[in-house]
Amino acid sequence: MSETGKLPARLAEIVEDFGYCQGREKLEYLLEYAERLPDVPESLLRLRDDAHQVHECVTPIWLFAEENAGRFRFHFDV
């Protein structure tokens, strides 16, 4: 079983798509993919503070997690 076989189907598909890209093409695909993602909800953006920031990154990034009925949704503000 490949590593992507352990992932949820949609995530395995995304990983596979990125696997077809080479060099700069991978970065371009990442940017295209990111543009299609939904915006971070305004209610979470208001929580943007030091506790939600990923300090190790050169680019300012904030990470938010929401739990609903035992399922988690992660939001990234880059």
PDB file of N, CA and C in Angstrom:
ATOM      1  N   MET A   1       0.855  -1.182   0.000  1.00  0.00           N
ATOM      2  CA  MET A   1       0.000   0.000   0.000  1.00  0.00           C
ATOM      3  C   MET A   1       0.892   1.234   0.000  1.00  0.00           C
ATOM      4  N   SER A   2       0.588   2.172  -0.860  1.00  0.00           N
ATOM      5  CA  SER A   2       1.365   3.408  -0.922  1.00  0.00           C
ATOM      6  C   SER A   2       1.001   4.300   0.257  1.00  0.00           C
ATOM      7  N   GLU A   3       1.845   5.275   0.504  1.00  0.00           N
ATOM      8  CA  GLU A   3       1.573   6.228   1.583  1.00  0.00           C
ATOM      9  C   GLU A   3       0.252   6.944   1.367  1.00  0.00           C
ATOM     10  N   THR A   4      -0.087   7.286   0.100  1.00  0.00           N
ATOM     11  CA  THR A   4      -1.341   7.995  -0.153  1.00  0.00           C
ATOM     12  C   THR A   4      -2.545   7.094   0.107  1.00  0.00           C
ATOM     13  N   GLY A   5      -2.351   5.784   0.158  1.00  0.00           N
ATOM     14  CA  GLY A   5      -3.446   4.863   0.454  1.00  0.00           C
ATOM     15  C   GLY A   5      -3.965   5.013   1.871  1.00  0.00           C
ATOM     16  N   LYS A   6      -3.188   5.636   2.742  1.00  0.00           N
ATOM     17  CA  LYS A   6      -3.588   5.846   4.134  1.00  0.00           C
ATOM     18  C   LYS A   6      -4.335   7.161   4.316  1.00  0.00           C
ATOM     19  N   LEU A   7      -4.403   7.963   3.262  1.00  0.00           N
ATOM     20  CA  LEU A   7      -5.033   9.286   3.332  1.00  0.00           C
ATOM     21  C   LEU A   7      -6.502   9.208   2.918  1.00  0.00           C
ATOM     22  N   PRO A   8      -7.328  10.159   3.374  1.00  0.00           N
ATOM     23  CA  PRO A   8      -8.687  10.266   2.847  1.00  0.00           C
ATOM     24  C   PRO A   8      -8.617  10.436   1.328  1.00  0.00           C
ATOM     25  N   ALA A   9      -9.614   9.957   0.624  1.00  0.00           N
ATOM     26  CA  ALA A   9      -9.609   9.922  -0.838  1.00  0.00           C
ATOM     27  C   ALA A   9      -9.279  11.278  -1.466  1.00  0.00           C
ATOM     28  N   ARG A  10      -9.918  12.341  -1.021  1.00  0.00           N
ATOM     29  CA  ARG A  10      -9.693  13.657  -1.635  1.00  0.00           C
ATOM     30  C   ARG A  10      -8.260  14.134  -1.412  1.00  0.00           C
ATOM     31  N   LEU A  11      -7.730  13.909  -0.213  1.00  0.00           N
ATOM     32  CA  LEU A  11      -6.359  14.317   0.076  1.00  0.00           C
ATOM     33  C   LEU A  11      -5.371  13.483  -0.741  1.00  0.00           C
ATOM     34  N   ALA A  12      -5.628  12.197  -0.893  1.00  0.00           N
ATOM     35  CA  ALA A  12      -4.773  11.346  -1.721  1.00  0.00           C
ATOM     36  C   ALA A  12      -4.762  11.842  -3.167  1.00  0.00           C
ATOM     37  N   GLU A  13      -5.899  12.300  -3.657  1.00  0.00           N
ATOM     38  CA  GLU A  13      -5.989  12.843  -5.016  1.00  0.00           C
ATOM     39  C   GLU A  13      -5.134  14.101  -5.160  1.00  0.00           C
ATOM     40  N   ILE A  14      -5.182  14.977  -4.167  1.00  0.00           N
ATOM     41  CA  ILE A  14      -4.386  16.204  -4.190  1.00  0.00           C
ATOM     42  C   ILE A  14      -2.897  15.866  -4.173  1.00  0.00           C
ATOM     43  N   VAL A  15      -2.497  14.936  -3.311  1.00  0.00           N
ATOM     44  CA  VAL A  15      -1.095  14.521  -3.226  1.00  0.00           C
ATOM     45  C   VAL A  15      -0.645  13.936  -4.558  1.00  0.00           C
ATOM     46  N   GLU A  16      -1.482  13.135  -5.162  1.00  0.00           N
ATOM     47  CA  GLU A  16      -1.155  12.539  -6.459  1.00  0.00           C
ATOM     48  C   GLU A  16      -0.979  13.623  -7.528  1.00  0.00           C
ATOM     49  N   ASP A  17      -1.880  14.602  -7.549  1.00  0.00           N
ATOM     50  CA  ASP A  17      -1.783  15.702  -8.512  1.00  0.00           C
ATOM     51  C   ASP A  17      -0.455  16.446  -8.366  1.00  0.00           C
ATOM     52  N   PHE A  18      -0.063  16.727  -7.130  1.00  0.00           N
ATOM     53  CA  PHE A  18       1.200  17.420  -6.905  1.00  0.00           C
ATOM     54  C   PHE A  18       2.381  16.543  -7.312  1.00  0.00           C
ATOM     55  N   GLY A  19       2.223  15.227  -7.221  1.00  0.00           N
ATOM     56  CA  GLY A  19       3.285  14.305  -7.604  1.00  0.00           C
ATOM     57  C   GLY A  19       3.618  14.360  -9.089  1.00  0.00           C
ATOM     58  N   TYR A  20       2.672  14.784  -9.912  1.00  0.00           N
ATOM     59  CA  TYR A  20       2.903  14.899 -11.350  1.00  0.00           C
ATOM     60  C   TYR A  20       3.691  16.154 -11.709  1.00  0.00           C
ATOM     61  N   CYS A  21       3.756  17.105 -10.795  1.00  0.00           N
ATOM     62  CA  CYS A  21       4.428  18.379 -11.070  1.00  0.00           C
ATOM     63  C   CYS A  21       5.927  18.256 -10.812  1.00  0.00           C
ATOM     64  N   GLN A  22       6.697  19.034 -11.555  1.00  0.00           N
ATOM     65  CA  GLN A  22       8.148  19.046 -11.403  1.00  0.00           C
ATOM     66  C   GLN A  22       8.631  20.484 -11.214  1.00  0.00           C
ATOM     67  N   GLY A  23       9.629  20.672 -10.355  1.00  0.00           N
ATOM     68  CA  GLY A  23      10.272  21.971 -10.192  1.00  0.00           C
ATOM     69  C   GLY A  23       9.304  23.111  -9.922  1.00  0.00           C
ATOM     70  N   ARG A  24       9.477  24.191 -10.692  1.00  0.00           N
ATOM     71  CA  ARG A  24       8.672  25.411 -10.520  1.00  0.00           C
ATOM     72  C   ARG A  24       7.186  25.153 -10.764  1.00  0.00           C
ATOM     73  N   GLU A  25       6.891  24.158 -11.565  1.00  0.00           N
ATOM     74  CA  GLU A  25       5.509  23.788 -11.860  1.00  0.00           C
ATOM     75  C   GLU A  25       4.743  23.460 -10.564  1.00  0.00           C
ATOM     76  N   LYS A  26       5.438  22.867  -9.609  1.00  0.00           N
ATOM     77  CA  LYS A  26       4.822  22.516  -8.318  1.00  0.00           C
ATOM     78  C   LYS A  26       4.394  23.773  -7.567  1.00  0.00           C
ATOM     79  N   LEU A  27       5.244  24.793  -7.565  1.00  0.00           N
ATOM     80  CA  LEU A  27       4.923  26.057  -6.903  1.00  0.00           C
ATOM     81  C   LEU A  27       3.731  26.729  -7.584  1.00  0.00           C
ATOM     82  N   GLU A  28       3.726  26.740  -8.904  1.00  0.00           N
ATOM     83  CA  GLU A  28       2.622  27.343  -9.647  1.00  0.00           C
ATOM     84  C   GLU A  28       1.310  26.618  -9.357  1.00  0.00           C
ATOM     85  N   TYR A  29       1.360  25.291  -9.284  1.00  0.00           N
ATOM     86  CA  TYR A  29       0.151  24.520  -8.980  1.00  0.00           C
ATOM     87  C   TYR A  29      -0.321  24.805  -7.552  1.00  0.00           C
ATOM     88  N   LEU A  30       0.623  24.938  -6.630  1.00  0.00           N
ATOM     89  CA  LEU A  30       0.271  25.259  -5.245  1.00  0.00           C
ATOM     90  C   LEU A  30      -0.437  26.606  -5.165  1.00  0.00           C
ATOM     91  N   LEU A  31       0.072  27.599  -5.875  1.00  0.00           N
ATOM     92  CA  LEU A  31      -0.558  28.915  -5.878  1.00  0.00           C
ATOM     93  C   LEU A  31      -1.955  28.863  -6.496  1.00  0.00           C
ATOM     94  N   GLU A  32      -2.103  28.126  -7.594  1.00  0.00           N
ATOM     95  CA  GLU A  32      -3.428  27.962  -8.213  1.00  0.00           C
ATOM     96  C   GLU A  32      -4.386  27.277  -7.252  1.00  0.00           C
ATOM     97  N   TYR A  33      -3.913  26.248  -6.583  1.00  0.00           N
ATOM     98  CA  TYR A  33      -4.741  25.507  -5.632  1.00  0.00           C
ATOM     99  C   TYR A  33      -5.160  26.420  -4.474  1.00  0.00           C
ATOM    100  N   ALA A  34      -4.217  27.204  -3.952  1.00  0.00           N
ATOM    101  CA  ALA A  34      -4.501  28.092  -2.825  1.00  0.00           C
ATOM    102  C   ALA A  34      -5.543  29.141  -3.181  1.00  0.00           C
ATOM    103  N   GLU A  35      -5.522  29.622  -4.415  1.00  0.00           N
ATOM    104  CA  GLU A  35      -6.495  30.634  -4.842  1.00  0.00           C
ATOM    105  C   GLU A  35      -7.926  30.096  -4.849  1.00  0.00           C
ATOM    106  N   ARG A  36      -8.081  28.783  -4.965  1.00  0.00           N
ATOM    107  CA  ARG A  36      -9.418  28.182  -4.991  1.00  0.00           C
ATOM    108  C   ARG A  36      -9.968  27.874  -3.603  1.00  0.00           C
ATOM    109  N   LEU A  37      -9.128  27.990  -2.586  1.00  0.00           N
ATOM    110  CA  LEU A  37      -9.572  27.692  -1.222  1.00  0.00           C
ATOM    111  C   LEU A  37     -10.483  28.805  -0.710  1.00  0.00           C
ATOM    112  N   PRO A  38     -11.444  28.458   0.148  1.00  0.00           N
ATOM    113  CA  PRO A  38     -12.306  29.497   0.717  1.00  0.00           C
ATOM    114  C   PRO A  38     -11.531  30.394   1.668  1.00  0.00           C
ATOM    115  N   ASP A  39     -12.006  31.615   1.820  1.00  0.00           N
ATOM    116  CA  ASP A  39     -11.393  32.552   2.759  1.00  0.00           C
ATOM    117  C   ASP A  39     -11.595  32.068   4.192  1.00  0.00           C
ATOM    118  N   VAL A  40     -10.703  32.490   5.067  1.00  0.00           N
ATOM    119  CA  VAL A  40     -10.860  32.206   6.494  1.00  0.00           C
ATOM    120  C   VAL A  40     -12.070  32.988   6.981  1.00  0.00           C
ATOM    121  N   PRO A  41     -12.978  32.352   7.752  1.00  0.00           N
ATOM    122  CA  PRO A  41     -14.147  33.080   8.251  1.00  0.00           C
ATOM    123  C   PRO A  41     -13.741  34.315   9.062  1.00  0.00           C
ATOM    124  N   GLU A  42     -14.485  35.374   8.895  1.00  0.00           N
ATOM    125  CA  GLU A  42     -14.206  36.639   9.587  1.00  0.00           C
ATOM    126  C   GLU A  42     -14.158  36.445  11.103  1.00  0.00           C
ATOM    127  N   SER A  43     -15.001  35.562  11.629  1.00  0.00           N
ATOM    128  CA  SER A  43     -15.017  35.321  13.077  1.00  0.00           C
ATOM    129  C   SER A  43     -13.680  34.793  13.572  1.00  0.00           C
ATOM    130  N   LEU A  44     -12.972  34.041  12.737  1.00  0.00           N
ATOM    131  CA  LEU A  44     -11.657  33.535  13.132  1.00  0.00           C
ATOM    132  C   LEU A  44     -10.571  34.577  12.922  1.00  0.00           C
ATOM    133  N   LEU A  45     -10.695  35.367  11.870  1.00  0.00           N
ATOM    134  CA  LEU A  45      -9.694  36.402  11.615  1.00  0.00           C
ATOM    135  C   LEU A  45      -9.622  37.388  12.778  1.00  0.00           C
ATOM    136  N   ARG A  46     -10.748  37.606  13.442  1.00  0.00           N
ATOM    137  CA  ARG A  46     -10.755  38.513  14.589  1.00  0.00           C
ATOM    138  C   ARG A  46      -9.947  37.943  15.752  1.00  0.00           C
ATOM    139  N   LEU A  47      -9.720  36.632  15.741  1.00  0.00           N
ATOM    140  CA  LEU A  47      -8.947  35.983  16.801  1.00  0.00           C
ATOM    141  C   LEU A  47      -7.451  35.984  16.499  1.00  0.00           C
ATOM    142  N   ARG A  48      -7.076  36.549  15.357  1.00  0.00           N
ATOM    143  CA  ARG A  48      -5.673  36.503  14.947  1.00  0.00           C
ATOM    144  C   ARG A  48      -4.823  37.206  15.994  1.00  0.00           C
ATOM    145  N   ASP A  49      -4.013  36.427  16.689  1.00  0.00           N
ATOM    146  CA  ASP A  49      -3.129  36.955  17.718  1.00  0.00           C
ATOM    147  C   ASP A  49      -1.864  36.111  17.764  1.00  0.00           C
ATOM    148  N   ASP A  50      -1.019  36.421  18.709  1.00  0.00           N
ATOM    149  CA  ASP A  50       0.255  35.735  18.846  1.00  0.00           C
ATOM    150  C   ASP A  50       0.081  34.230  19.060  1.00  0.00           C
ATOM    151  N   ALA A  51      -0.973  33.828  19.747  1.00  0.00           N
ATOM    152  CA  ALA A  51      -1.182  32.412  20.046  1.00  0.00           C
ATOM    153  C   ALA A  51      -1.506  31.597  18.797  1.00  0.00           C
ATOM    154  N   HIS A  52      -2.072  32.216  17.777  1.00  0.00           N
ATOM    155  CA  HIS A  52      -2.441  31.506  16.556  1.00  0.00           C
ATOM    156  C   HIS A  52      -1.386  31.615  15.459  1.00  0.00           C
ATOM    157  N   GLN A  53      -0.339  32.406  15.699  1.00  0.00           N
ATOM    158  CA  GLN A  53       0.679  32.600  14.668  1.00  0.00           C
ATOM    159  C   GLN A  53       1.700  31.467  14.697  1.00  0.00           C
ATOM    160  N   VAL A  54       2.138  31.054  13.515  1.00  0.00           N
ATOM    161  CA  VAL A  54       3.205  30.059  13.376  1.00  0.00           C
ATOM    162  C   VAL A  54       4.509  30.853  13.284  1.00  0.00           C
ATOM    163  N   HIS A  55       5.220  30.935  14.381  1.00  0.00           N
ATOM    164  CA  HIS A  55       6.383  31.819  14.478  1.00  0.00           C
ATOM    165  C   HIS A  55       7.605  31.314  13.716  1.00  0.00           C
ATOM    166  N   GLU A  56       7.689  30.044  13.453  1.00  0.00           N
ATOM    167  CA  GLU A  56       8.869  29.486  12.798  1.00  0.00           C
ATOM    168  C   GLU A  56       8.915  29.790  11.307  1.00  0.00           C
ATOM    169  N   CYS A  57       7.825  30.271  10.739  1.00  0.00           N
ATOM    170  CA  CYS A  57       7.760  30.539   9.301  1.00  0.00           C
ATOM    171  C   CYS A  57       8.275  31.945   8.982  1.00  0.00           C
ATOM    172  N   VAL A  58       8.934  32.072   7.835  1.00  0.00           N
ATOM    173  CA  VAL A  58       9.401  33.371   7.370  1.00  0.00           C
ATOM    174  C   VAL A  58       8.207  34.228   6.969  1.00  0.00           C
ATOM    175  N   THR A  59       7.247  33.626   6.281  1.00  0.00           N
ATOM    176  CA  THR A  59       6.024  34.316   5.872  1.00  0.00           C
ATOM    177  C   THR A  59       5.052  34.314   7.049  1.00  0.00           C
ATOM    178  N   PRO A  60       4.408  35.437   7.360  1.00  0.00           N
ATOM    179  CA  PRO A  60       3.422  35.443   8.451  1.00  0.00           C
ATOM    180  C   PRO A  60       2.266  34.475   8.163  1.00  0.00           C
ATOM    181  N   ILE A  61       2.050  33.536   9.066  1.00  0.00           N
ATOM    182  CA  ILE A  61       0.993  32.524   8.929  1.00  0.00           C
ATOM    183  C   ILE A  61       0.277  32.389  10.262  1.00  0.00           C
ATOM    184  N   TRP A  62      -1.060  32.326  10.193  1.00  0.00           N
ATOM    185  CA  TRP A  62      -1.877  32.060  11.370  1.00  0.00           C
ATOM    186  C   TRP A  62      -2.674  30.794  11.098  1.00  0.00           C
ATOM    187  N   LEU A  63      -2.802  29.960  12.110  1.00  0.00           N
ATOM    188  CA  LEU A  63      -3.496  28.681  11.995  1.00  0.00           C
ATOM    189  C   LEU A  63      -4.656  28.655  12.980  1.00  0.00           C
ATOM    190  N   PHE A  64      -5.831  28.286  12.473  1.00  0.00           N
ATOM    191  CA  PHE A  64      -7.035  28.195  13.309  1.00  0.00           C
ATOM    192  C   PHE A  64      -7.638  26.805  13.128  1.00  0.00           C
ATOM    193  N   ALA A  65      -8.202  26.257  14.181  1.00  0.00           N
ATOM    194  CA  ALA A  65      -8.879  24.963  14.113  1.00  0.00           C
ATOM    195  C   ALA A  65     -10.288  25.124  14.671  1.00  0.00           C
ATOM    196  N   GLU A  66     -11.244  24.497  13.995  1.00  0.00           N
ATOM    197  CA  GLU A  66     -12.634  24.482  14.468  1.00  0.00           C
ATOM    198  C   GLU A  66     -13.058  23.032  14.624  1.00  0.00           C
ATOM    199  N   GLU A  67     -13.761  22.729  15.694  1.00  0.00           N
ATOM    200  CA  GLU A  67     -14.276  21.386  15.934  1.00  0.00           C
ATOM    201  C   GLU A  67     -15.790  21.434  15.841  1.00  0.00           C
ATOM    202  N   ASN A  68     -16.362  20.485  15.117  1.00  0.00           N
ATOM    203  CA  ASN A  68     -17.806  20.401  14.976  1.00  0.00           C
ATOM    204  C   ASN A  68     -18.171  18.926  14.925  1.00  0.00           C
ATOM    205  N   ALA A  69     -18.865  18.461  15.934  1.00  0.00           N
ATOM    206  CA  ALA A  69     -19.329  17.068  16.010  1.00  0.00           C
ATOM    207  C   ALA A  69     -18.174  16.080  15.853  1.00  0.00           C
ATOM    208  N   GLY A  70     -17.053  16.373  16.509  1.00  0.00           N
ATOM    209  CA  GLY A  70     -15.921  15.457  16.478  1.00  0.00           C
ATOM    210  C   GLY A  70     -15.059  15.538  15.232  1.00  0.00           C
ATOM    211  N   ARG A  71     -15.376  16.449  14.315  1.00  0.00           N
ATOM    212  CA  ARG A  71     -14.576  16.632  13.095  1.00  0.00           C
ATOM    213  C   ARG A  71     -13.887  17.985  13.166  1.00  0.00           C
ATOM    214  N   PHE A  72     -12.686  18.035  12.659  1.00  0.00           N
ATOM    215  CA  PHE A  72     -11.913  19.278  12.707  1.00  0.00           C
ATOM    216  C   PHE A  72     -11.748  19.871  11.320  1.00  0.00           C
ATOM    217  N   ARG A  73     -11.802  21.177  11.268  1.00  0.00           N
ATOM    218  CA  ARG A  73     -11.540  21.928  10.038  1.00  0.00           C
ATOM    219  C   ARG A  73     -10.434  22.919  10.396  1.00  0.00           C
ATOM    220  N   PHE A  74      -9.399  22.942   9.561  1.00  0.00           N
ATOM    221  CA  PHE A  74      -8.280  23.830   9.788  1.00  0.00           C
ATOM    222  C   PHE A  74      -8.309  24.956   8.773  1.00  0.00           C
ATOM    223  N   HIS A  75      -7.998  26.155   9.244  1.00  0.00           N
ATOM    224  CA  HIS A  75      -7.951  27.346   8.398  1.00  0.00           C
ATOM    225  C   HIS A  75      -6.564  27.956   8.530  1.00  0.00           C
ATOM    226  N   PHE A  76      -6.002  28.359   7.394  1.00  0.00           N
ATOM    227  CA  PHE A  76      -4.691  28.983   7.370  1.00  0.00           C
ATOM    228  C   PHE A  76      -4.816  30.366   6.779  1.00  0.00           C
ATOM    229  N   ASP A  77      -4.271  31.357   7.445  1.00  0.00           N
ATOM    230  CA  ASP A  77      -4.234  32.718   6.940  1.00  0.00           C
ATOM    231  C   ASP A  77      -2.785  33.055   6.634  1.00  0.00           C
ATOM    232  N   VAL A  78      -2.462  33.150   5.356  1.00  0.00           N
ATOM    233  CA  VAL A  78      -1.082  33.384   4.922  1.00  0.00           C
ATOM    234  C   VAL A  78      -1.005  34.726   4.225  1.00  0.00           C
TER     235      VAL A  78
END
